[in-house]
Amino acid sequence: MSNPALSTPDAHLDLRGTPCPINFVRTKLRLEQMSQGSLLEVWLDPGEPIEQVPDSLVMEGYQLEQVEDRNGFFAILVRRPLD
């Protein structure tokens, strides 16, 4: 059984069709607007977006909790850390 806190994001961001690096910038801006410890679900296209955005978020100090292939796009769960 999965952890309900892990699977229930506080916000969603659909960035399908958004090119790099705009999708990373929008994700980071959205996370900065959220409270500490909040969970954001982001939808990304295959290819460069899913290859670049998760790694870039981790390098910025965000916690990547899940990457899920949803048949044509990817859903990632990223948590804003407690400062």
C-alpha atoms as a PDB file:
ATOM      1  CA  MET A   1       0.000   0.000   0.000  1.00  0.00           C
ATOM      2  CA  SER A   2       1.388   3.418  -0.927  1.00  0.00           C
ATOM      3  CA  ASN A   3       1.912   6.289   1.457  1.00  0.00           C
ATOM      4  CA  PRO A   4      -1.068   8.683   1.046  1.00  0.00           C
ATOM      5  CA  ALA A   5       1.120  11.702   1.847  1.00  0.00           C
ATOM      6  CA  LEU A   6       3.421  10.727  -1.011  1.00  0.00           C
ATOM      7  CA  SER A   7       0.648  10.227  -3.570  1.00  0.00           C
ATOM      8  CA  THR A   8      -1.440  13.332  -2.809  1.00  0.00           C
ATOM      9  CA  PRO A   9       0.216  16.434  -4.262  1.00  0.00           C
ATOM     10  CA  ASP A  10      -0.620  19.887  -2.941  1.00  0.00           C
ATOM     11  CA  ALA A  11      -0.595  21.331  -6.484  1.00  0.00           C
ATOM     12  CA  HIS A  12      -0.367  20.260 -10.129  1.00  0.00           C
ATOM     13  CA  LEU A  13       1.539  21.805 -13.029  1.00  0.00           C
ATOM     14  CA  ASP A  14       0.914  20.595 -16.601  1.00  0.00           C
ATOM     15  CA  LEU A  15       3.982  21.486 -18.675  1.00  0.00           C
ATOM     16  CA  ARG A  16       3.356  19.166 -21.609  1.00  0.00           C
ATOM     17  CA  GLY A  17       4.365  20.993 -24.778  1.00  0.00           C
ATOM     18  CA  THR A  18       6.607  23.405 -22.859  1.00  0.00           C
ATOM     19  CA  PRO A  19      10.243  23.437 -24.075  1.00  0.00           C
ATOM     20  CA  CYS A  20      13.410  23.360 -21.974  1.00  0.00           C
ATOM     21  CA  PRO A  21      14.479  25.375 -20.054  1.00  0.00           C
ATOM     22  CA  ILE A  22      11.080  27.095 -19.676  1.00  0.00           C
ATOM     23  CA  ASN A  23       9.560  23.996 -18.046  1.00  0.00           C
ATOM     24  CA  PHE A  24      12.300  23.964 -15.383  1.00  0.00           C
ATOM     25  CA  VAL A  25      11.893  27.705 -14.729  1.00  0.00           C
ATOM     26  CA  ARG A  26       8.101  27.377 -14.355  1.00  0.00           C
ATOM     27  CA  THR A  27       8.484  24.387 -12.039  1.00  0.00           C
ATOM     28  CA  LYS A  28      10.996  26.206  -9.840  1.00  0.00           C
ATOM     29  CA  LEU A  29       8.837  29.355  -9.681  1.00  0.00           C
ATOM     30  CA  ARG A  30       5.777  27.298  -8.701  1.00  0.00           C
ATOM     31  CA  LEU A  31       7.712  25.487  -5.979  1.00  0.00           C
ATOM     32  CA  GLU A  32       8.965  28.819  -4.591  1.00  0.00           C
ATOM     33  CA  GLN A  33       5.329  29.981  -4.258  1.00  0.00           C
ATOM     34  CA  MET A  34       4.393  26.896  -2.250  1.00  0.00           C
ATOM     35  CA  SER A  35       4.878  26.378   1.478  1.00  0.00           C
ATOM     36  CA  GLN A  36       7.850  24.473   2.783  1.00  0.00           C
ATOM     37  CA  GLY A  37       7.327  20.718   2.651  1.00  0.00           C
ATOM     38  CA  SER A  38       4.631  20.974  -0.056  1.00  0.00           C
ATOM     39  CA  LEU A  39       4.426  18.388  -2.815  1.00  0.00           C
ATOM     40  CA  LEU A  40       4.067  19.404  -6.476  1.00  0.00           C
ATOM     41  CA  GLU A  41       3.074  17.083  -9.305  1.00  0.00           C
ATOM     42  CA  VAL A  42       4.530  18.143 -12.664  1.00  0.00           C
ATOM     43  CA  TRP A  43       3.609  16.645 -16.041  1.00  0.00           C
ATOM     44  CA  LEU A  44       6.502  16.583 -18.510  1.00  0.00           C
ATOM     45  CA  ASP A  45       7.006  15.388 -22.075  1.00  0.00           C
ATOM     46  CA  PRO A  46       9.363  12.511 -22.881  1.00  0.00           C
ATOM     47  CA  GLY A  47      12.834  13.276 -24.182  1.00  0.00           C
ATOM     48  CA  GLU A  48      14.721  16.362 -23.060  1.00  0.00           C
ATOM     49  CA  PRO A  49      12.124  17.576 -20.489  1.00  0.00           C
ATOM     50  CA  ILE A  50      12.086  14.351 -18.444  1.00  0.00           C
ATOM     51  CA  GLU A  51      15.852  13.958 -18.869  1.00  0.00           C
ATOM     52  CA  GLN A  52      16.721  17.512 -17.757  1.00  0.00           C
ATOM     53  CA  VAL A  53      14.072  18.864 -15.359  1.00  0.00           C
ATOM     54  CA  PRO A  54      14.291  16.254 -12.545  1.00  0.00           C
ATOM     55  CA  ASP A  55      18.102  16.439 -12.415  1.00  0.00           C
ATOM     56  CA  SER A  56      18.027  20.247 -12.446  1.00  0.00           C
ATOM     57  CA  LEU A  57      15.523  20.304  -9.568  1.00  0.00           C
ATOM     58  CA  VAL A  58      17.680  17.965  -7.471  1.00  0.00           C
ATOM     59  CA  MET A  59      20.735  20.169  -8.142  1.00  0.00           C
ATOM     60  CA  GLU A  60      18.689  23.142  -6.866  1.00  0.00           C
ATOM     61  CA  GLY A  61      17.970  21.317  -3.589  1.00  0.00           C
ATOM     62  CA  TYR A  62      14.460  20.001  -4.230  1.00  0.00           C
ATOM     63  CA  GLN A  63      13.487  16.439  -3.302  1.00  0.00           C
ATOM     64  CA  LEU A  64      12.381  14.268  -6.220  1.00  0.00           C
ATOM     65  CA  GLU A  65      10.032  11.685  -4.735  1.00  0.00           C
ATOM     66  CA  GLN A  66       8.602   9.873  -7.750  1.00  0.00           C
ATOM     67  CA  VAL A  67       8.863   9.631 -11.537  1.00  0.00           C
ATOM     68  CA  GLU A  68       5.988   7.837 -13.244  1.00  0.00           C
ATOM     69  CA  ASP A  69       5.561   7.012 -16.946  1.00  0.00           C
ATOM     70  CA  ARG A  70       1.930   7.730 -17.775  1.00  0.00           C
ATOM     71  CA  ASN A  71       1.817   6.549 -21.394  1.00  0.00           C
ATOM     72  CA  GLY A  72       2.863   9.551 -23.472  1.00  0.00           C
ATOM     73  CA  PHE A  73       4.044  11.843 -20.677  1.00  0.00           C
ATOM     74  CA  PHE A  74       5.731  11.635 -17.305  1.00  0.00           C
ATOM     75  CA  ALA A  75       4.453  12.725 -13.897  1.00  0.00           C
ATOM     76  CA  ILE A  76       7.042  13.692 -11.311  1.00  0.00           C
ATOM     77  CA  LEU A  77       6.463  14.429  -7.653  1.00  0.00           C
ATOM     78  CA  VAL A  78       8.830  17.006  -6.233  1.00  0.00           C
ATOM     79  CA  ARG A  79       8.820  18.351  -2.686  1.00  0.00           C
ATOM     80  CA  ARG A  80       9.883  21.802  -1.562  1.00  0.00           C
ATOM     81  CA  PRO A  81      12.344  21.218   1.271  1.00  0.00           C
ATOM     82  CA  LEU A  82      12.058  22.672   4.733  1.00  0.00           C
ATOM     83  CA  ASP A  83      14.481  25.599   4.914  1.00  0.00           C
END
